[in-house]
Amino acid sequence: MNIKEKMHNCQLYYPSGEEIMKEQTACLEKLYDFNATRPLEGEKRTKMLKEMFAEIGDDCYIEPPLHSNWGGHHVHFGKNVYANFNLTLVDDTHIYVGDYTMFGPNVIVATAGHPILPELRQQGYQYNAPVHIGKNCWIGAGVIIVPGVTIGDNVVVGAGSIVTKDLPDNVVAVGNPCKVLREVNEHDREYYFKNHKIDL
């Protein structure tokens, strides 16, 4: 198994080889240029994201600065995905995000991990596990999603939560570690925030 295969198969590998570093640095150069764009350069940003990401659907918006180990090279966004300031995508392997999902500011989605055994960490080994986030999710400000997690469709993850385990569809989940608080229910069809009624 070569190093690229190990990167995407949750195998231990050494991430600082010359070939890997050269490819990764080229991706980071593109990310640097994206983060240097001006607020009025929306069309330029859209074009750049299509070159940077593995996949990105129509009408996605990412507010710079964006932080990413591989500049989005292993990131797959559906359509109408929105990300506020300081989205961090540790995309050493694949990150999948469904249509209409929103990220609050300072969200971290991590795919890379390091062994518990100190001797292996000292040698610089790491492993990667993909993250899947479903459609129409709202990932609140400051959420951290760790490697290997799958989040279902229509999920709300409360601000500051740390998601260490999979979450099913149609739930509100909060906390550290993040746990399901409740299902999305009829109350949510009437109220959008506390005692504020939906009047549309």
C-alpha atoms as a PDB file:
ATOM      1  CA  MET A   1       0.000   0.000   0.000  1.00  0.00           C
ATOM      2  CA  ASN A   2       1.509   3.336  -1.046  1.00  0.00           C
ATOM      3  CA  ILE A   3       1.387   6.512   1.022  1.00  0.00           C
ATOM      4  CA  LYS A   4      -1.629   7.959  -0.829  1.00  0.00           C
ATOM      5  CA  GLU A   5      -3.609   4.786  -0.176  1.00  0.00           C
ATOM      6  CA  LYS A   6      -2.623   4.856   3.497  1.00  0.00           C
ATOM      7  CA  MET A   7      -3.772   8.481   3.757  1.00  0.00           C
ATOM      8  CA  HIS A   8      -7.296   7.512   2.770  1.00  0.00           C
ATOM      9  CA  ASN A   9      -7.579   4.112   4.484  1.00  0.00           C
ATOM     10  CA  CYS A  10      -7.059   4.974   8.165  1.00  0.00           C
ATOM     11  CA  GLN A  11      -3.564   3.467   8.071  1.00  0.00           C
ATOM     12  CA  LEU A  12      -0.570   4.837   9.948  1.00  0.00           C
ATOM     13  CA  TYR A  13       1.711   6.810   7.667  1.00  0.00           C
ATOM     14  CA  TYR A  14       4.456   9.424   7.791  1.00  0.00           C
ATOM     15  CA  PRO A  15       2.963  12.687   6.430  1.00  0.00           C
ATOM     16  CA  SER A  16       6.168  14.635   5.804  1.00  0.00           C
ATOM     17  CA  GLY A  17       7.611  12.833   2.798  1.00  0.00           C
ATOM     18  CA  GLU A  18       8.945  14.974  -0.046  1.00  0.00           C
ATOM     19  CA  GLU A  19       6.248  13.946  -2.556  1.00  0.00           C
ATOM     20  CA  ILE A  20       3.403  14.635  -0.124  1.00  0.00           C
ATOM     21  CA  MET A  21       4.835  17.954   1.027  1.00  0.00           C
ATOM     22  CA  LYS A  22       5.280  19.196  -2.532  1.00  0.00           C
ATOM     23  CA  GLU A  23       1.662  18.448  -3.453  1.00  0.00           C
ATOM     24  CA  GLN A  24       0.311  19.816  -0.187  1.00  0.00           C
ATOM     25  CA  THR A  25       2.295  23.053  -0.491  1.00  0.00           C
ATOM     26  CA  ALA A  26       0.866  23.666  -3.973  1.00  0.00           C
ATOM     27  CA  CYS A  27      -2.639  23.359  -2.488  1.00  0.00           C
ATOM     28  CA  LEU A  28      -1.755  25.738   0.337  1.00  0.00           C
ATOM     29  CA  GLU A  29      -0.513  28.320  -2.173  1.00  0.00           C
ATOM     30  CA  LYS A  30      -4.010  28.373  -3.725  1.00  0.00           C
ATOM     31  CA  LEU A  31      -5.584  28.676  -0.281  1.00  0.00           C
ATOM     32  CA  TYR A  32      -3.329  31.645   0.499  1.00  0.00           C
ATOM     33  CA  ASP A  33      -4.536  33.374  -2.676  1.00  0.00           C
ATOM     34  CA  PHE A  34      -8.182  32.669  -1.800  1.00  0.00           C
ATOM     35  CA  ASN A  35      -7.765  34.214   1.640  1.00  0.00           C
ATOM     36  CA  ALA A  36      -6.167  37.295   0.077  1.00  0.00           C
ATOM     37  CA  THR A  37      -9.228  38.082  -2.068  1.00  0.00           C
ATOM     38  CA  ARG A  38     -11.224  41.246  -1.470  1.00  0.00           C
ATOM     39  CA  PRO A  39     -14.894  41.296  -0.364  1.00  0.00           C
ATOM     40  CA  LEU A  40     -16.110  42.408  -3.806  1.00  0.00           C
ATOM     41  CA  GLU A  41     -14.335  39.528  -5.584  1.00  0.00           C
ATOM     42  CA  GLY A  42     -17.146  37.003  -5.188  1.00  0.00           C
ATOM     43  CA  GLU A  43     -16.899  35.599  -8.714  1.00  0.00           C
ATOM     44  CA  LYS A  44     -13.153  35.160  -8.333  1.00  0.00           C
ATOM     45  CA  ARG A  45     -13.641  33.307  -5.042  1.00  0.00           C
ATOM     46  CA  THR A  46     -16.203  30.976  -6.603  1.00  0.00           C
ATOM     47  CA  LYS A  47     -13.862  30.122  -9.460  1.00  0.00           C
ATOM     48  CA  MET A  48     -10.964  29.536  -7.079  1.00  0.00           C
ATOM     49  CA  LEU A  49     -13.001  27.201  -4.870  1.00  0.00           C
ATOM     50  CA  LYS A  50     -13.894  25.064  -7.877  1.00  0.00           C
ATOM     51  CA  GLU A  51     -10.169  24.655  -8.530  1.00  0.00           C
ATOM     52  CA  MET A  52      -9.261  24.078  -4.869  1.00  0.00           C
ATOM     53  CA  PHE A  53     -11.947  21.625  -3.718  1.00  0.00           C
ATOM     54  CA  ALA A  54     -12.425  18.017  -4.778  1.00  0.00           C
ATOM     55  CA  GLU A  55     -16.080  18.924  -5.402  1.00  0.00           C
ATOM     56  CA  ILE A  56     -18.151  22.022  -4.716  1.00  0.00           C
ATOM     57  CA  GLY A  57     -21.740  22.622  -5.783  1.00  0.00           C
ATOM     58  CA  ASP A  58     -23.421  25.788  -6.992  1.00  0.00           C
ATOM     59  CA  ASP A  59     -24.109  28.768  -4.747  1.00  0.00           C
ATOM     60  CA  CYS A  60     -21.651  27.898  -1.989  1.00  0.00           C
ATOM     61  CA  TYR A  61     -20.199  30.728   0.062  1.00  0.00           C
ATOM     62  CA  ILE A  62     -17.132  30.538   2.280  1.00  0.00           C
ATOM     63  CA  GLU A  63     -16.152  33.638   4.214  1.00  0.00           C
ATOM     64  CA  PRO A  64     -12.369  34.034   4.389  1.00  0.00           C
ATOM     65  CA  PRO A  65     -10.231  33.226   6.171  1.00  0.00           C
ATOM     66  CA  LEU A  66     -10.556  29.524   5.444  1.00  0.00           C
ATOM     67  CA  HIS A  67      -8.003  27.197   7.031  1.00  0.00           C
ATOM     68  CA  SER A  68      -7.303  23.787   5.523  1.00  0.00           C
ATOM     69  CA  ASN A  69      -4.413  21.323   5.658  1.00  0.00           C
ATOM     70  CA  TRP A  70      -4.768  20.549   1.951  1.00  0.00           C
ATOM     71  CA  GLY A  71      -6.514  23.732   0.820  1.00  0.00           C
ATOM     72  CA  GLY A  72      -9.780  21.876   0.258  1.00  0.00           C
ATOM     73  CA  HIS A  73      -8.185  19.274  -2.012  1.00  0.00           C
ATOM     74  CA  HIS A  74     -10.029  16.454  -0.204  1.00  0.00           C
ATOM     75  CA  VAL A  75     -13.251  18.389   0.519  1.00  0.00           C
ATOM     76  CA  HIS A  76     -16.602  17.592  -1.117  1.00  0.00           C
ATOM     77  CA  PHE A  77     -19.333  20.241  -0.694  1.00  0.00           C
ATOM     78  CA  GLY A  78     -22.842  19.957  -2.075  1.00  0.00           C
ATOM     79  CA  LYS A  79     -24.781  23.016  -3.248  1.00  0.00           C
ATOM     80  CA  ASN A  80     -25.719  26.049  -1.141  1.00  0.00           C
ATOM     81  CA  VAL A  81     -23.219  25.329   1.623  1.00  0.00           C
ATOM     82  CA  TYR A  82     -22.421  28.376   3.775  1.00  0.00           C
ATOM     83  CA  ALA A  83     -19.382  28.796   6.024  1.00  0.00           C
ATOM     84  CA  ASN A  84     -18.745  31.760   8.296  1.00  0.00           C
ATOM     85  CA  PHE A  85     -15.294  33.077   9.318  1.00  0.00           C
ATOM     86  CA  ASN A  86     -12.471  30.734  10.300  1.00  0.00           C
ATOM     87  CA  LEU A  87     -13.773  27.393   9.095  1.00  0.00           C
ATOM     88  CA  THR A  88     -10.944  24.909   9.660  1.00  0.00           C
ATOM     89  CA  LEU A  89     -10.953  21.770   7.515  1.00  0.00           C
ATOM     90  CA  VAL A  90      -8.223  19.329   8.501  1.00  0.00           C
ATOM     91  CA  ASP A  91      -8.634  17.575   5.160  1.00  0.00           C
ATOM     92  CA  ASP A  92      -5.804  15.061   5.174  1.00  0.00           C
ATOM     93  CA  THR A  93      -8.496  12.695   3.931  1.00  0.00           C
ATOM     94  CA  HIS A  94     -12.006  13.270   2.631  1.00  0.00           C
ATOM     95  CA  ILE A  95     -14.646  15.529   4.185  1.00  0.00           C
ATOM     96  CA  TYR A  96     -18.178  15.286   2.739  1.00  0.00           C
ATOM     97  CA  VAL A  97     -20.798  17.998   3.353  1.00  0.00           C
ATOM     98  CA  GLY A  98     -24.359  17.825   2.042  1.00  0.00           C
ATOM     99  CA  ASP A  99     -26.500  20.496   0.355  1.00  0.00           C
ATOM    100  CA  TYR A 100     -27.736  23.525   2.350  1.00  0.00           C
ATOM    101  CA  THR A 101     -25.518  22.876   5.366  1.00  0.00           C
ATOM    102  CA  MET A 102     -24.308  25.919   7.324  1.00  0.00           C
ATOM    103  CA  PHE A 103     -21.208  26.388   9.474  1.00  0.00           C
ATOM    104  CA  GLY A 104     -21.007  29.052  12.170  1.00  0.00           C
ATOM    105  CA  PRO A 105     -17.720  30.866  12.821  1.00  0.00           C
ATOM    106  CA  ASN A 106     -14.697  28.990  14.170  1.00  0.00           C
ATOM    107  CA  VAL A 107     -15.864  25.470  13.336  1.00  0.00           C
ATOM    108  CA  ILE A 108     -13.213  22.722  13.109  1.00  0.00           C
ATOM    109  CA  VAL A 109     -13.714  19.554  11.070  1.00  0.00           C
ATOM    110  CA  ALA A 110     -10.747  17.230  11.618  1.00  0.00           C
ATOM    111  CA  THR A 111      -9.890  14.007   9.794  1.00  0.00           C
ATOM    112  CA  ALA A 112      -6.316  13.571  11.067  1.00  0.00           C
ATOM    113  CA  GLY A 113      -5.302  11.860  14.279  1.00  0.00           C
ATOM    114  CA  HIS A 114      -2.127  10.673  15.969  1.00  0.00           C
ATOM    115  CA  PRO A 115      -1.455   7.414  17.835  1.00  0.00           C
ATOM    116  CA  ILE A 116      -1.825   7.246  21.602  1.00  0.00           C
ATOM    117  CA  LEU A 117       1.501   5.391  21.845  1.00  0.00           C
ATOM    118  CA  PRO A 118       4.155   8.078  22.537  1.00  0.00           C
ATOM    119  CA  GLU A 119       6.888   6.326  20.533  1.00  0.00           C
ATOM    120  CA  LEU A 120       4.797   6.456  17.347  1.00  0.00           C
ATOM    121  CA  ARG A 121       3.864  10.103  17.865  1.00  0.00           C
ATOM    122  CA  GLN A 122       7.527  10.944  18.412  1.00  0.00           C
ATOM    123  CA  GLN A 123       8.273   9.457  14.995  1.00  0.00           C
ATOM    124  CA  GLY A 124       5.620  11.704  13.428  1.00  0.00           C
ATOM    125  CA  TYR A 125       3.051   9.090  12.414  1.00  0.00           C
ATOM    126  CA  GLN A 126      -0.581   9.950  11.832  1.00  0.00           C
ATOM    127  CA  TYR A 127      -3.775   8.360  10.504  1.00  0.00           C
ATOM    128  CA  ASN A 128      -6.846   9.849   8.857  1.00  0.00           C
ATOM    129  CA  ALA A 129     -10.547   8.968   9.041  1.00  0.00           C
ATOM    130  CA  PRO A 130     -13.151  10.660   6.813  1.00  0.00           C
ATOM    131  CA  VAL A 131     -15.960  12.867   8.124  1.00  0.00           C
ATOM    132  CA  HIS A 132     -19.477  12.874   6.653  1.00  0.00           C
ATOM    133  CA  ILE A 133     -21.934  15.719   7.359  1.00  0.00           C
ATOM    134  CA  GLY A 134     -25.436  15.397   5.918  1.00  0.00           C
ATOM    135  CA  LYS A 135     -27.774  17.759   4.133  1.00  0.00           C
ATOM    136  CA  ASN A 136     -29.385  20.829   5.668  1.00  0.00           C
ATOM    137  CA  CYS A 137     -27.379  20.786   8.890  1.00  0.00           C
ATOM    138  CA  TRP A 138     -26.510  23.755  11.086  1.00  0.00           C
ATOM    139  CA  ILE A 139     -23.137  23.391  12.763  1.00  0.00           C
ATOM    140  CA  GLY A 140     -23.005  26.094  15.443  1.00  0.00           C
ATOM    141  CA  ALA A 141     -20.153  28.430  16.284  1.00  0.00           C
ATOM    142  CA  GLY A 142     -17.038  26.837  17.715  1.00  0.00           C
ATOM    143  CA  VAL A 143     -18.082  23.222  17.102  1.00  0.00           C
ATOM    144  CA  ILE A 144     -15.307  20.617  16.810  1.00  0.00           C
ATOM    145  CA  ILE A 145     -15.928  17.441  14.797  1.00  0.00           C
ATOM    146  CA  VAL A 146     -13.310  14.727  15.261  1.00  0.00           C
ATOM    147  CA  PRO A 147     -12.050  12.118  12.759  1.00  0.00           C
ATOM    148  CA  GLY A 148     -14.383   9.366  11.579  1.00  0.00           C
ATOM    149  CA  VAL A 149     -17.669  11.023  12.626  1.00  0.00           C
ATOM    150  CA  THR A 150     -20.868  10.849  10.542  1.00  0.00           C
ATOM    151  CA  ILE A 151     -23.611  13.444  11.107  1.00  0.00           C
ATOM    152  CA  GLY A 152     -27.027  12.755   9.584  1.00  0.00           C
ATOM    153  CA  ASP A 153     -29.372  15.059   7.658  1.00  0.00           C
ATOM    154  CA  ASN A 154     -31.227  18.018   9.227  1.00  0.00           C
ATOM    155  CA  VAL A 155     -29.058  18.038  12.359  1.00  0.00           C
ATOM    156  CA  VAL A 156     -28.431  21.083  14.557  1.00  0.00           C
ATOM    157  CA  VAL A 157     -25.201  20.929  16.566  1.00  0.00           C
ATOM    158  CA  GLY A 158     -25.160  23.512  19.367  1.00  0.00           C
ATOM    159  CA  ALA A 159     -22.383  26.071  19.641  1.00  0.00           C
ATOM    160  CA  GLY A 160     -19.211  24.887  21.339  1.00  0.00           C
ATOM    161  CA  SER A 161     -20.048  21.192  21.085  1.00  0.00           C
ATOM    162  CA  ILE A 162     -17.403  18.530  20.521  1.00  0.00           C
ATOM    163  CA  VAL A 163     -18.742  15.775  18.278  1.00  0.00           C
ATOM    164  CA  THR A 164     -16.965  12.500  19.032  1.00  0.00           C
ATOM    165  CA  LYS A 165     -19.654  10.024  17.912  1.00  0.00           C
ATOM    166  CA  ASP A 166     -22.102   9.694  15.021  1.00  0.00           C
ATOM    167  CA  LEU A 167     -25.377  11.657  15.149  1.00  0.00           C
ATOM    168  CA  PRO A 168     -28.627  10.428  13.532  1.00  0.00           C
ATOM    169  CA  ASP A 169     -30.931  12.422  11.243  1.00  0.00           C
ATOM    170  CA  ASN A 170     -33.319  15.103  12.514  1.00  0.00           C
ATOM    171  CA  VAL A 171     -31.888  15.840  15.959  1.00  0.00           C
ATOM    172  CA  VAL A 172     -30.614  18.722  18.047  1.00  0.00           C
ATOM    173  CA  ALA A 173     -27.342  17.728  19.730  1.00  0.00           C
ATOM    174  CA  VAL A 174     -25.159  19.646  22.183  1.00  0.00           C
ATOM    175  CA  GLY A 175     -22.347  19.307  24.672  1.00  0.00           C
ATOM    176  CA  ASN A 176     -18.890  17.921  25.315  1.00  0.00           C
ATOM    177  CA  PRO A 177     -19.028  15.169  24.344  1.00  0.00           C
ATOM    178  CA  CYS A 178     -21.915  16.038  22.030  1.00  0.00           C
ATOM    179  CA  LYS A 179     -25.124  14.102  22.749  1.00  0.00           C
ATOM    180  CA  VAL A 180     -28.614  14.120  21.275  1.00  0.00           C
ATOM    181  CA  LEU A 181     -30.756  16.588  23.246  1.00  0.00           C
ATOM    182  CA  ARG A 182     -33.997  15.959  21.375  1.00  0.00           C
ATOM    183  CA  GLU A 183     -35.536  15.320  17.978  1.00  0.00           C
ATOM    184  CA  VAL A 184     -36.635  18.104  15.659  1.00  0.00           C
ATOM    185  CA  ASN A 185     -40.374  18.318  16.499  1.00  0.00           C
ATOM    186  CA  GLU A 186     -43.708  20.122  16.018  1.00  0.00           C
ATOM    187  CA  HIS A 187     -42.635  22.925  18.362  1.00  0.00           C
ATOM    188  CA  ASP A 188     -39.937  23.786  15.824  1.00  0.00           C
ATOM    189  CA  ARG A 189     -42.627  24.236  13.166  1.00  0.00           C
ATOM    190  CA  GLU A 190     -44.149  27.051  15.254  1.00  0.00           C
ATOM    191  CA  TYR A 191     -41.148  28.688  16.951  1.00  0.00           C
ATOM    192  CA  TYR A 192     -37.769  29.467  15.409  1.00  0.00           C
ATOM    193  CA  PHE A 193     -36.054  30.786  18.583  1.00  0.00           C
ATOM    194  CA  LYS A 194     -37.296  30.625  22.180  1.00  0.00           C
ATOM    195  CA  ASN A 195     -40.749  32.288  22.175  1.00  0.00           C
ATOM    196  CA  HIS A 196     -40.370  33.867  18.720  1.00  0.00           C
ATOM    197  CA  LYS A 197     -43.085  32.541  16.396  1.00  0.00           C
ATOM    198  CA  ILE A 198     -42.479  31.786  12.744  1.00  0.00           C
ATOM    199  CA  ASP A 199     -44.491  34.355  10.800  1.00  0.00           C
ATOM    200  CA  LEU A 200     -43.710  33.807   7.153  1.00  0.00           C
END
